[in-house]
Protein backbone atom coordinates (compact mmCIF):
# COMPACT_ATOMS: atom_id res chain seq x y z
CA MET A 1 0.00 0.00 0.00
CA THR A 2 1.45 3.36 -1.04
CA VAL A 3 2.55 5.61 1.82
CA LYS A 4 2.81 9.36 1.39
CA LEU A 5 4.50 12.01 3.45
CA ILE A 6 2.51 15.20 2.95
CA ALA A 7 3.94 18.61 3.77
CA LEU A 8 1.44 21.46 4.19
CA TYR A 9 2.89 24.97 4.21
CA ARG A 10 1.32 28.14 5.57
CA LYS A 11 2.01 31.27 3.53
CA PRO A 12 5.37 32.83 4.44
CA ASP A 13 5.96 36.56 4.73
CA ASP A 14 8.30 36.54 1.71
CA VAL A 15 6.69 34.14 -0.78
CA ASN A 16 9.31 34.69 -3.50
CA ALA A 17 12.28 33.98 -1.21
CA PHE A 18 10.49 30.92 0.19
CA LEU A 19 9.71 29.49 -3.25
CA ASP A 20 13.23 30.17 -4.49
CA HIS A 21 14.73 28.21 -1.58
CA TYR A 22 12.03 25.54 -1.79
CA HIS A 23 12.50 24.77 -5.47
CA ASN A 24 16.26 25.38 -5.80
CA VAL A 25 17.59 24.03 -2.49
CA HIS A 26 15.00 21.98 -0.61
CA MET A 27 13.39 19.90 -3.35
CA PRO A 28 16.77 18.83 -4.83
CA LEU A 29 17.62 17.52 -1.33
CA VAL A 30 14.25 15.74 -1.11
CA ALA A 31 14.84 14.17 -4.54
CA LYS A 32 17.90 12.35 -3.13
CA THR A 33 15.78 10.48 -0.54
CA PRO A 34 16.07 6.71 -1.07
CA HIS A 35 12.88 4.91 -2.18
CA LEU A 36 11.12 8.16 -3.10
CA MET A 37 8.94 7.20 -6.06
CA LYS A 38 7.83 10.73 -6.87
CA ALA A 39 7.18 14.10 -5.30
CA VAL A 40 4.32 16.33 -6.39
CA VAL A 41 4.28 20.00 -5.41
CA ASN A 42 0.78 21.52 -5.42
CA SER A 43 -0.06 25.23 -5.21
CA VAL A 44 -3.21 25.85 -3.17
CA ILE A 45 -5.52 28.07 -5.21
CA GLY A 46 -8.53 28.30 -2.93
CA SER A 47 -10.89 26.70 -0.45
CA PRO A 48 -14.67 26.26 -0.52
CA MET A 49 -14.66 27.50 3.10
CA GLY A 50 -12.94 30.87 2.70
CA GLU A 51 -9.24 31.63 2.91
CA PRO A 52 -7.21 28.39 2.81
CA PRO A 53 -4.86 27.79 5.75
CA TYR A 54 -2.09 26.58 3.39
CA PHE A 55 -0.53 27.91 0.21
CA LEU A 56 1.55 24.87 -0.79
CA MET A 57 1.20 21.09 -0.39
CA THR A 58 3.81 18.52 -1.37
CA GLU A 59 3.11 14.80 -1.61
CA MET A 60 6.08 12.41 -1.41
CA TYR A 61 5.25 8.85 -2.50
CA PHE A 62 6.79 5.62 -1.18
CA ALA A 63 5.90 2.06 -2.24
CA ASP A 64 5.03 0.84 1.26
CA ALA A 65 5.58 1.39 4.98
CA LEU A 66 8.90 -0.50 5.00
CA LYS A 67 10.36 1.64 2.20
CA PHE A 68 9.01 4.76 3.90
CA ASP A 69 10.64 3.81 7.22
CA GLU A 70 13.97 3.11 5.51
CA ALA A 71 13.78 6.43 3.68
CA MET A 72 13.04 8.38 6.86
CA LYS A 73 16.14 6.90 8.54
CA SER A 74 18.46 7.77 5.66
CA PRO A 75 21.16 10.46 5.81
CA GLU A 76 19.63 12.02 2.69
CA ASN A 77 16.29 12.45 4.45
CA ARG A 78 18.00 13.82 7.54
CA ALA A 79 19.69 16.45 5.34
CA ALA A 80 16.33 17.41 3.80
CA GLY A 81 14.74 17.55 7.27
CA LYS A 82 17.53 19.75 8.62
CA ASP A 83 17.05 22.13 5.70
CA LEU A 84 13.27 22.13 6.24
CA MET A 85 13.65 23.07 9.90
CA GLY A 86 16.04 25.84 8.90
CA PHE A 87 13.69 27.66 6.53
CA ALA A 88 10.14 26.48 7.27
CA LYS A 89 9.91 25.12 10.83
CA SER A 90 7.15 27.56 11.82
CA LEU A 91 5.29 27.13 8.52
CA VAL A 92 5.11 23.39 7.90
CA THR A 93 2.78 20.62 9.05
CA LEU A 94 3.80 17.05 8.15
CA ILE A 95 1.41 14.11 7.96
CA ILE A 96 1.83 10.49 6.90
CA VAL A 97 -1.00 8.80 5.00
CA GLU A 98 -1.73 5.49 3.27
CA GLU A 99 -3.67 5.43 0.04
CA ASP A 100 -6.76 3.21 0.14
């Protein structure tokens, strides 16, 4: 069963600086994570209930829970996590889901 790590980002004060770092530094680090099948970055464009609480959502796909666990323990993932905490600690919510 596919496991996804989903990162939900609240809108930063400086959107352009955030996106520059996100796309040019952070996502290349994420791409090195072992067992990562794909990563999809989604821009939030609205909400049926008013202003959306997030402006960006990234889905990182892993084949199963075992591959996900191995990936999370890797030095490559630790490097991506360290970067994340350096530029988005107060903005990010991380959740782990299984596709039905």
